[in-house]
All heavy atoms as atom14 arrays in JSON, in Angstrom:
{
  "sequence": "VPGEFGLVYLVFNTIGNLTTQDAQVRCFENAAAHLAPGGLF",
  "atom14_mask": [
    [1, 1, 1, 1, 1, 1, 1, 0, 0, 0, 0, 0, 0, 0],
    [1, 1, 1, 1, 1, 1, 1, 0, 0, 0, 0, 0, 0, 0],
    [1, 1, 1, 1, 0, 0, 0, 0, 0, 0, 0, 0, 0, 0],
    [1, 1, 1, 1, 1, 1, 1, 1, 1, 0, 0, 0, 0, 0],
    [1, 1, 1, 1, 1, 1, 1, 1, 1, 1, 1, 0, 0, 0],
    [1, 1, 1, 1, 0, 0, 0, 0, 0, 0, 0, 0, 0, 0],
    [1, 1, 1, 1, 1, 1, 1, 1, 0, 0, 0, 0, 0, 0],
    [1, 1, 1, 1, 1, 1, 1, 0, 0, 0, 0, 0, 0, 0],
    [1, 1, 1, 1, 1, 1, 1, 1, 1, 1, 1, 1, 0, 0],
    [1, 1, 1, 1, 1, 1, 1, 1, 0, 0, 0, 0, 0, 0],
    [1, 1, 1, 1, 1, 1, 1, 0, 0, 0, 0, 0, 0, 0],
    [1, 1, 1, 1, 1, 1, 1, 1, 1, 1, 1, 0, 0, 0],
    [1, 1, 1, 1, 1, 1, 1, 1, 0, 0, 0, 0, 0, 0],
    [1, 1, 1, 1, 1, 1, 1, 0, 0, 0, 0, 0, 0, 0],
    [1, 1, 1, 1, 1, 1, 1, 1, 0, 0, 0, 0, 0, 0],
    [1, 1, 1, 1, 0, 0, 0, 0, 0, 0, 0, 0, 0, 0],
    [1, 1, 1, 1, 1, 1, 1, 1, 0, 0, 0, 0, 0, 0],
    [1, 1, 1, 1, 1, 1, 1, 1, 0, 0, 0, 0, 0, 0],
    [1, 1, 1, 1, 1, 1, 1, 0, 0, 0, 0, 0, 0, 0],
    [1, 1, 1, 1, 1, 1, 1, 0, 0, 0, 0, 0, 0, 0],
    [1, 1, 1, 1, 1, 1, 1, 1, 1, 0, 0, 0, 0, 0],
    [1, 1, 1, 1, 1, 1, 1, 1, 0, 0, 0, 0, 0, 0],
    [1, 1, 1, 1, 1, 0, 0, 0, 0, 0, 0, 0, 0, 0],
    [1, 1, 1, 1, 1, 1, 1, 1, 1, 0, 0, 0, 0, 0],
    [1, 1, 1, 1, 1, 1, 1, 0, 0, 0, 0, 0, 0, 0],
    [1, 1, 1, 1, 1, 1, 1, 1, 1, 1, 1, 0, 0, 0],
    [1, 1, 1, 1, 1, 1, 0, 0, 0, 0, 0, 0, 0, 0],
    [1, 1, 1, 1, 1, 1, 1, 1, 1, 1, 1, 0, 0, 0],
    [1, 1, 1, 1, 1, 1, 1, 1, 1, 0, 0, 0, 0, 0],
    [1, 1, 1, 1, 1, 1, 1, 1, 0, 0, 0, 0, 0, 0],
    [1, 1, 1, 1, 1, 0, 0, 0, 0, 0, 0, 0, 0, 0],
    [1, 1, 1, 1, 1, 0, 0, 0, 0, 0, 0, 0, 0, 0],
    [1, 1, 1, 1, 1, 0, 0, 0, 0, 0, 0, 0, 0, 0],
    [1, 1, 1, 1, 1, 1, 1, 1, 1, 1, 0, 0, 0, 0],
    [1, 1, 1, 1, 1, 1, 1, 1, 0, 0, 0, 0, 0, 0],
    [1, 1, 1, 1, 1, 0, 0, 0, 0, 0, 0, 0, 0, 0],
    [1, 1, 1, 1, 1, 1, 1, 0, 0, 0, 0, 0, 0, 0],
    [1, 1, 1, 1, 0, 0, 0, 0, 0, 0, 0, 0, 0, 0],
    [1, 1, 1, 1, 0, 0, 0, 0, 0, 0, 0, 0, 0, 0],
    [1, 1, 1, 1, 1, 1, 1, 1, 0, 0, 0, 0, 0, 0],
    [1, 1, 1, 1, 1, 1, 1, 1, 1, 1, 1, 0, 0, 0]
  ],
  "atom14_positions": [
    [[-22.49, 31.88, -51.59], [-22.86, 31.73, -53.0], [-22.32, 30.39, -53.48], [-21.35, 29.86, -52.92], [-22.3, 32.88, -53.86], [-22.82, 34.22, -53.36], [-20.79, 32.89, -53.88], [0.0, 0.0, 0.0], [0.0, 0.0, 0.0], [0.0, 0.0, 0.0], [0.0, 0.0, 0.0], [0.0, 0.0, 0.0], [0.0, 0.0, 0.0], [0.0, 0.0, 0.0]],
    [[-22.94, 29.82, -54.53], [-22.46, 28.53, -55.02], [-21.07, 28.63, -55.63], [-20.67, 29.67, -56.16], [-23.5, 28.17, -56.09], [-24.67, 29.05, -55.85], [-24.13, 30.3, -55.24], [0.0, 0.0, 0.0], [0.0, 0.0, 0.0], [0.0, 0.0, 0.0], [0.0, 0.0, 0.0], [0.0, 0.0, 0.0], [0.0, 0.0, 0.0], [0.0, 0.0, 0.0]],
    [[-20.35, 27.54, -55.56], [-19.07, 27.46, -56.24], [-17.88, 27.6, -55.31], [-18.02, 27.87, -54.11], [0.0, 0.0, 0.0], [0.0, 0.0, 0.0], [0.0, 0.0, 0.0], [0.0, 0.0, 0.0], [0.0, 0.0, 0.0], [0.0, 0.0, 0.0], [0.0, 0.0, 0.0], [0.0, 0.0, 0.0], [0.0, 0.0, 0.0], [0.0, 0.0, 0.0]],
    [[-16.72, 27.39, -55.89], [-15.44, 27.48, -55.18], [-14.57, 28.45, -55.97], [-14.53, 28.4, -57.2], [-14.8, 26.09, -55.11], [-13.69, 25.96, -54.11], [-13.24, 24.52, -53.95], [-12.81, 23.92, -54.96], [-13.32, 23.99, -52.83], [0.0, 0.0, 0.0], [0.0, 0.0, 0.0], [0.0, 0.0, 0.0], [0.0, 0.0, 0.0], [0.0, 0.0, 0.0]],
    [[-13.84, 29.31, -55.27], [-13.17, 30.43, -55.92], [-11.66, 30.4, -55.65], [-11.21, 29.99, -54.59], [-13.76, 31.75, -55.42], [-15.23, 31.89, -55.74], [-16.18, 31.39, -54.87], [-15.64, 32.49, -56.92], [-17.54, 31.5, -55.17], [-16.99, 32.6, -57.23], [-17.94, 32.1, -56.35], [0.0, 0.0, 0.0], [0.0, 0.0, 0.0], [0.0, 0.0, 0.0]],
    [[-10.92, 30.87, -56.64], [-9.48, 31.02, -56.47], [-9.11, 32.34, -55.83], [-8.02, 32.5, -55.3], [0.0, 0.0, 0.0], [0.0, 0.0, 0.0], [0.0, 0.0, 0.0], [0.0, 0.0, 0.0], [0.0, 0.0, 0.0], [0.0, 0.0, 0.0], [0.0, 0.0, 0.0], [0.0, 0.0, 0.0], [0.0, 0.0, 0.0], [0.0, 0.0, 0.0]],
    [[-10.04, 33.33, -55.9], [-9.8, 34.65, -55.34], [-11.1, 35.21, -54.79], [-12.14, 35.19, -55.46], [-9.26, 35.59, -56.43], [-9.1, 37.07, -56.04], [-8.0, 37.24, -54.99], [-8.79, 37.93, -57.28], [0.0, 0.0, 0.0], [0.0, 0.0, 0.0], [0.0, 0.0, 0.0], [0.0, 0.0, 0.0], [0.0, 0.0, 0.0], [0.0, 0.0, 0.0]],
    [[-11.05, 35.69, -53.55], [-12.12, 36.51, -52.97], [-11.49, 37.85, -52.64], [-10.37, 37.91, -52.11], [-12.71, 35.86, -51.7], [-13.79, 36.75, -51.1], [-13.27, 34.47, -52.01], [0.0, 0.0, 0.0], [0.0, 0.0, 0.0], [0.0, 0.0, 0.0], [0.0, 0.0, 0.0], [0.0, 0.0, 0.0], [0.0, 0.0, 0.0], [0.0, 0.0, 0.0]],
    [[-12.17, 38.95, -52.96], [-11.57, 40.26, -52.72], [-12.59, 41.27, -52.21], [-13.8, 41.15, -52.46], [-10.86, 40.78, -53.97], [-11.76, 41.06, -55.17], [-12.26, 42.33, -55.41], [-12.08, 40.04, -56.07], [-13.07, 42.59, -56.51], [-12.88, 40.29, -57.18], [-13.37, 41.56, -57.39], [-14.17, 41.82, -58.48], [0.0, 0.0, 0.0], [0.0, 0.0, 0.0]],
    [[-12.07, 42.26, -51.49], [-12.88, 43.27, -50.82], [-12.08, 44.57, -50.87], [-11.03, 44.69, -50.25], [-13.12, 42.84, -49.37], [-13.93, 43.74, -48.46], [-15.32, 43.98, -49.02], [-14.04, 43.1, -47.08], [0.0, 0.0, 0.0], [0.0, 0.0, 0.0], [0.0, 0.0, 0.0], [0.0, 0.0, 0.0], [0.0, 0.0, 0.0], [0.0, 0.0, 0.0]],
    [[-12.56, 45.56, -51.64], [-11.75, 46.74, -51.93], [-12.33, 48.01, -51.29], [-13.46, 48.02, -50.79], [-11.61, 46.95, -53.46], [-10.87, 45.78, -54.08], [-12.97, 47.14, -54.12], [0.0, 0.0, 0.0], [0.0, 0.0, 0.0], [0.0, 0.0, 0.0], [0.0, 0.0, 0.0], [0.0, 0.0, 0.0], [0.0, 0.0, 0.0], [0.0, 0.0, 0.0]],
    [[-11.5, 49.08, -51.32], [-11.9, 50.44, -50.98], [-12.51, 50.57, -49.58], [-13.64, 51.07, -49.43], [-12.86, 50.98, -52.05], [-13.09, 52.47, -51.98], [-12.1, 53.32, -51.54], [-14.31, 53.01, -52.35], [-12.32, 54.68, -51.44], [-14.54, 54.39, -52.28], [-13.54, 55.21, -51.82], [0.0, 0.0, 0.0], [0.0, 0.0, 0.0], [0.0, 0.0, 0.0]],
    [[-11.8, 50.08, -48.56], [-12.17, 50.3, -47.16], [-13.45, 49.61, -46.72], [-13.95, 49.87, -45.61], [-12.31, 51.81, -46.86], [-11.03, 52.58, -47.08], [-9.94, 52.07, -46.83], [-11.14, 53.8, -47.58], [0.0, 0.0, 0.0], [0.0, 0.0, 0.0], [0.0, 0.0, 0.0], [0.0, 0.0, 0.0], [0.0, 0.0, 0.0], [0.0, 0.0, 0.0]],
    [[-14.0, 48.72, -47.55], [-15.33, 48.19, -47.26], [-15.34, 47.26, -46.06], [-16.4, 47.06, -45.44], [-15.9, 47.49, -48.51], [-15.73, 48.35, -49.64], [-17.37, 47.22, -48.36], [0.0, 0.0, 0.0], [0.0, 0.0, 0.0], [0.0, 0.0, 0.0], [0.0, 0.0, 0.0], [0.0, 0.0, 0.0], [0.0, 0.0, 0.0], [0.0, 0.0, 0.0]],
    [[-14.2, 46.69, -45.67], [-14.16, 45.88, -44.46], [-14.61, 46.71, -43.26], [-15.2, 46.19, -42.3], [-12.75, 45.29, -44.23], [-12.74, 44.3, -43.06], [-11.71, 46.39, -44.01], [-13.48, 43.03, -43.31], [0.0, 0.0, 0.0], [0.0, 0.0, 0.0], [0.0, 0.0, 0.0], [0.0, 0.0, 0.0], [0.0, 0.0, 0.0], [0.0, 0.0, 0.0]],
    [[-14.39, 48.03, -43.3], [-14.78, 48.91, -42.2], [-16.27, 49.12, -42.09], [-16.75, 49.59, -41.05], [0.0, 0.0, 0.0], [0.0, 0.0, 0.0], [0.0, 0.0, 0.0], [0.0, 0.0, 0.0], [0.0, 0.0, 0.0], [0.0, 0.0, 0.0], [0.0, 0.0, 0.0], [0.0, 0.0, 0.0], [0.0, 0.0, 0.0], [0.0, 0.0, 0.0]],
    [[-17.03, 48.78, -43.15], [-18.49, 48.88, -43.06], [-19.08, 47.86, -42.08], [-20.23, 48.0, -41.66], [-19.14, 48.69, -44.44], [-18.83, 49.81, -45.4], [-18.48, 49.58, -46.54], [-18.93, 51.05, -44.94], [0.0, 0.0, 0.0], [0.0, 0.0, 0.0], [0.0, 0.0, 0.0], [0.0, 0.0, 0.0], [0.0, 0.0, 0.0], [0.0, 0.0, 0.0]],
    [[-18.29, 46.84, -41.77], [-18.67, 45.92, -40.7], [-18.17, 46.53, -39.4], [-16.97, 46.63, -39.17], [-18.04, 44.55, -40.94], [-18.44, 43.89, -42.27], [-17.61, 42.64, -42.52], [-19.93, 43.56, -42.29], [0.0, 0.0, 0.0], [0.0, 0.0, 0.0], [0.0, 0.0, 0.0], [0.0, 0.0, 0.0], [0.0, 0.0, 0.0], [0.0, 0.0, 0.0]],
    [[-19.07, 46.96, -38.55], [-18.72, 47.88, -37.47], [-18.45, 47.19, -36.13], [-18.37, 47.86, -35.1], [-19.83, 48.94, -37.29], [-21.08, 48.27, -37.09], [-19.91, 49.83, -38.52], [0.0, 0.0, 0.0], [0.0, 0.0, 0.0], [0.0, 0.0, 0.0], [0.0, 0.0, 0.0], [0.0, 0.0, 0.0], [0.0, 0.0, 0.0], [0.0, 0.0, 0.0]],
    [[-18.28, 45.85, -36.14], [-17.83, 45.15, -34.94], [-16.69, 44.22, -35.33], [-16.59, 43.78, -36.48], [-18.94, 44.32, -34.29], [-19.3, 43.23, -35.14], [-20.17, 45.19, -34.0], [0.0, 0.0, 0.0], [0.0, 0.0, 0.0], [0.0, 0.0, 0.0], [0.0, 0.0, 0.0], [0.0, 0.0, 0.0], [0.0, 0.0, 0.0], [0.0, 0.0, 0.0]],
    [[-15.85, 43.92, -34.36], [-14.76, 42.98, -34.61], [-15.31, 41.61, -34.98], [-14.79, 40.93, -35.87], [-13.85, 42.89, -33.4], [-12.59, 42.06, -33.62], [-11.74, 41.98, -32.38], [-12.14, 41.35, -31.39], [-10.58, 42.62, -32.41], [0.0, 0.0, 0.0], [0.0, 0.0, 0.0], [0.0, 0.0, 0.0], [0.0, 0.0, 0.0], [0.0, 0.0, 0.0]],
    [[-16.37, 41.17, -34.3], [-16.97, 39.87, -34.59], [-17.42, 39.78, -36.04], [-17.22, 38.75, -36.7], [-18.16, 39.6, -33.67], [-17.74, 39.22, -32.25], [-16.55, 38.9, -32.06], [-18.6, 39.25, -31.36], [0.0, 0.0, 0.0], [0.0, 0.0, 0.0], [0.0, 0.0, 0.0], [0.0, 0.0, 0.0], [0.0, 0.0, 0.0], [0.0, 0.0, 0.0]],
    [[-18.04, 40.85, -36.54], [-18.52, 40.83, -37.93], [-17.34, 40.77, -38.89], [-17.4, 40.09, -39.92], [-19.37, 42.06, -38.2], [0.0, 0.0, 0.0], [0.0, 0.0, 0.0], [0.0, 0.0, 0.0], [0.0, 0.0, 0.0], [0.0, 0.0, 0.0], [0.0, 0.0, 0.0], [0.0, 0.0, 0.0], [0.0, 0.0, 0.0], [0.0, 0.0, 0.0]],
    [[-16.27, 41.48, -38.59], [-15.1, 41.44, -39.47], [-14.46, 40.05, -39.47], [-14.04, 39.55, -40.52], [-14.1, 42.52, -39.04], [-14.61, 43.93, -39.32], [-13.69, 45.03, -38.78], [-12.82, 44.77, -37.94], [-13.91, 46.25, -39.24], [0.0, 0.0, 0.0], [0.0, 0.0, 0.0], [0.0, 0.0, 0.0], [0.0, 0.0, 0.0], [0.0, 0.0, 0.0]],
    [[-14.4, 39.41, -38.3], [-13.89, 38.04, -38.25], [-14.78, 37.1, -39.07], [-14.28, 36.25, -39.82], [-13.79, 37.55, -36.79], [-13.5, 36.05, -36.73], [-12.7, 38.31, -36.05], [0.0, 0.0, 0.0], [0.0, 0.0, 0.0], [0.0, 0.0, 0.0], [0.0, 0.0, 0.0], [0.0, 0.0, 0.0], [0.0, 0.0, 0.0], [0.0, 0.0, 0.0]],
    [[-16.09, 37.26, -38.95], [-17.0, 36.41, -39.73], [-16.81, 36.62, -41.22], [-16.95, 35.69, -42.02], [-18.46, 36.69, -39.34], [-18.86, 36.17, -37.98], [-20.37, 36.08, -37.82], [-21.04, 37.34, -38.1], [-21.26, 38.28, -37.19], [-20.83, 38.11, -35.95], [-21.9, 39.39, -37.51], [0.0, 0.0, 0.0], [0.0, 0.0, 0.0], [0.0, 0.0, 0.0]],
    [[-16.48, 37.86, -41.62], [-16.22, 38.13, -43.03], [-15.01, 37.34, -43.51], [-15.03, 36.76, -44.6], [-16.02, 39.63, -43.23], [-15.76, 40.12, -44.95], [0.0, 0.0, 0.0], [0.0, 0.0, 0.0], [0.0, 0.0, 0.0], [0.0, 0.0, 0.0], [0.0, 0.0, 0.0], [0.0, 0.0, 0.0], [0.0, 0.0, 0.0], [0.0, 0.0, 0.0]],
    [[-13.95, 37.33, -42.72], [-12.77, 36.53, -43.08], [-13.13, 35.05, -43.16], [-12.69, 34.34, -44.08], [-11.65, 36.76, -42.07], [-10.74, 37.91, -42.43], [-11.17, 39.22, -42.31], [-9.45, 37.68, -42.88], [-10.34, 40.29, -42.63], [-8.61, 38.73, -43.21], [-9.05, 40.03, -43.09], [0.0, 0.0, 0.0], [0.0, 0.0, 0.0], [0.0, 0.0, 0.0]],
    [[-13.92, 34.58, -42.21], [-14.3, 33.17, -42.21], [-15.18, 32.85, -43.42], [-15.04, 31.78, -44.03], [-15.03, 32.84, -40.91], [-14.13, 32.87, -39.69], [-14.88, 32.7, -38.39], [-16.06, 33.11, -38.31], [-14.29, 32.15, -37.44], [0.0, 0.0, 0.0], [0.0, 0.0, 0.0], [0.0, 0.0, 0.0], [0.0, 0.0, 0.0], [0.0, 0.0, 0.0]],
    [[-16.06, 33.77, -43.79], [-16.91, 33.55, -44.96], [-16.08, 33.55, -46.24], [-16.31, 32.74, -47.14], [-17.99, 34.64, -45.03], [-19.13, 34.27, -45.96], [-19.49, 33.1, -46.09], [-19.71, 35.27, -46.6], [0.0, 0.0, 0.0], [0.0, 0.0, 0.0], [0.0, 0.0, 0.0], [0.0, 0.0, 0.0], [0.0, 0.0, 0.0], [0.0, 0.0, 0.0]],
    [[-15.1, 34.46, -46.32], [-14.21, 34.46, -47.48], [-13.48, 33.14, -47.59], [-13.41, 32.53, -48.67], [-13.21, 35.62, -47.38], [0.0, 0.0, 0.0], [0.0, 0.0, 0.0], [0.0, 0.0, 0.0], [0.0, 0.0, 0.0], [0.0, 0.0, 0.0], [0.0, 0.0, 0.0], [0.0, 0.0, 0.0], [0.0, 0.0, 0.0], [0.0, 0.0, 0.0]],
    [[-12.93, 32.65, -46.48], [-12.18, 31.4, -46.5], [-13.07, 30.23, -46.89], [-12.62, 29.3, -47.59], [-11.54, 31.15, -45.13], [0.0, 0.0, 0.0], [0.0, 0.0, 0.0], [0.0, 0.0, 0.0], [0.0, 0.0, 0.0], [0.0, 0.0, 0.0], [0.0, 0.0, 0.0], [0.0, 0.0, 0.0], [0.0, 0.0, 0.0], [0.0, 0.0, 0.0]],
    [[-14.33, 30.26, -46.45], [-15.25, 29.17, -46.79], [-15.53, 29.09, -48.28], [-15.87, 28.03, -48.8], [-16.56, 29.35, -46.02], [0.0, 0.0, 0.0], [0.0, 0.0, 0.0], [0.0, 0.0, 0.0], [0.0, 0.0, 0.0], [0.0, 0.0, 0.0], [0.0, 0.0, 0.0], [0.0, 0.0, 0.0], [0.0, 0.0, 0.0], [0.0, 0.0, 0.0]],
    [[-15.39, 30.21, -48.99], [-15.62, 30.23, -50.44], [-14.36, 29.85, -51.24], [-14.46, 29.64, -52.45], [-16.07, 31.62, -50.89], [-17.5, 31.94, -50.57], [-17.88, 32.56, -49.4], [-18.65, 31.7, -51.25], [-19.2, 32.71, -49.39], [-19.68, 32.21, -50.5], [0.0, 0.0, 0.0], [0.0, 0.0, 0.0], [0.0, 0.0, 0.0], [0.0, 0.0, 0.0]],
    [[-13.2, 29.82, -50.6], [-11.95, 29.62, -51.33], [-11.62, 28.15, -51.51], [-11.79, 27.34, -50.6], [-10.79, 30.29, -50.58], [-10.72, 31.82, -50.64], [-9.63, 32.32, -49.7], [-10.46, 32.3, -52.07], [0.0, 0.0, 0.0], [0.0, 0.0, 0.0], [0.0, 0.0, 0.0], [0.0, 0.0, 0.0], [0.0, 0.0, 0.0], [0.0, 0.0, 0.0]],
    [[-11.09, 27.83, -52.68], [-10.46, 26.54, -52.9], [-9.17, 26.49, -52.09], [-8.61, 27.53, -51.74], [-10.18, 26.33, -54.38], [0.0, 0.0, 0.0], [0.0, 0.0, 0.0], [0.0, 0.0, 0.0], [0.0, 0.0, 0.0], [0.0, 0.0, 0.0], [0.0, 0.0, 0.0], [0.0, 0.0, 0.0], [0.0, 0.0, 0.0], [0.0, 0.0, 0.0]],
    [[-8.66, 25.28, -51.76], [-7.36, 25.2, -51.09], [-6.3, 25.96, -51.89], [-6.21, 25.82, -53.1], [-7.09, 23.69, -51.06], [-8.45, 23.06, -51.08], [-9.29, 23.96, -51.95], [0.0, 0.0, 0.0], [0.0, 0.0, 0.0], [0.0, 0.0, 0.0], [0.0, 0.0, 0.0], [0.0, 0.0, 0.0], [0.0, 0.0, 0.0], [0.0, 0.0, 0.0]],
    [[-5.54, 26.78, -51.19], [-4.54, 27.61, -51.86], [-5.09, 28.89, -52.43], [-4.33, 29.7, -52.97], [0.0, 0.0, 0.0], [0.0, 0.0, 0.0], [0.0, 0.0, 0.0], [0.0, 0.0, 0.0], [0.0, 0.0, 0.0], [0.0, 0.0, 0.0], [0.0, 0.0, 0.0], [0.0, 0.0, 0.0], [0.0, 0.0, 0.0], [0.0, 0.0, 0.0]],
    [[-6.41, 29.12, -52.33], [-7.02, 30.34, -52.84], [-6.63, 31.56, -52.03], [-6.12, 31.45, -50.91], [0.0, 0.0, 0.0], [0.0, 0.0, 0.0], [0.0, 0.0, 0.0], [0.0, 0.0, 0.0], [0.0, 0.0, 0.0], [0.0, 0.0, 0.0], [0.0, 0.0, 0.0], [0.0, 0.0, 0.0], [0.0, 0.0, 0.0], [0.0, 0.0, 0.0]],
    [[-6.89, 32.75, -52.58], [-6.4, 34.0, -52.02], [-7.55, 34.92, -51.62], [-8.56, 35.01, -52.32], [-5.52, 34.72, -53.04], [-4.36, 33.91, -53.64], [-3.63, 34.75, -54.69], [-3.4, 33.44, -52.56], [0.0, 0.0, 0.0], [0.0, 0.0, 0.0], [0.0, 0.0, 0.0], [0.0, 0.0, 0.0], [0.0, 0.0, 0.0], [0.0, 0.0, 0.0]],
    [[-7.35, 35.6, -50.5], [-8.28, 36.64, -50.05], [-7.54, 37.96, -50.01], [-6.49, 38.07, -49.38], [-8.83, 36.3, -48.67], [-9.82, 37.3, -48.12], [-10.78, 37.89, -48.93], [-9.81, 37.63, -46.76], [-11.7, 38.8, -48.43], [-10.73, 38.54, -46.24], [-11.68, 39.12, -47.07], [0.0, 0.0, 0.0], [0.0, 0.0, 0.0], [0.0, 0.0, 0.0]]
  ]
}
C-alpha cells in the first residue's frame, strides 16, 4: 500500500492463517518494507 508507516500490526492469531513458513517470512518482510526506519511491527 502507498505510504510509510510508524507501526504495522497483526492481531488475534492471524499470522497463523499463513499456513507455510515461507508465507509467514514474506509477511514479516512485507511489514518491514512498509515501515519507516525505527518503525515497529
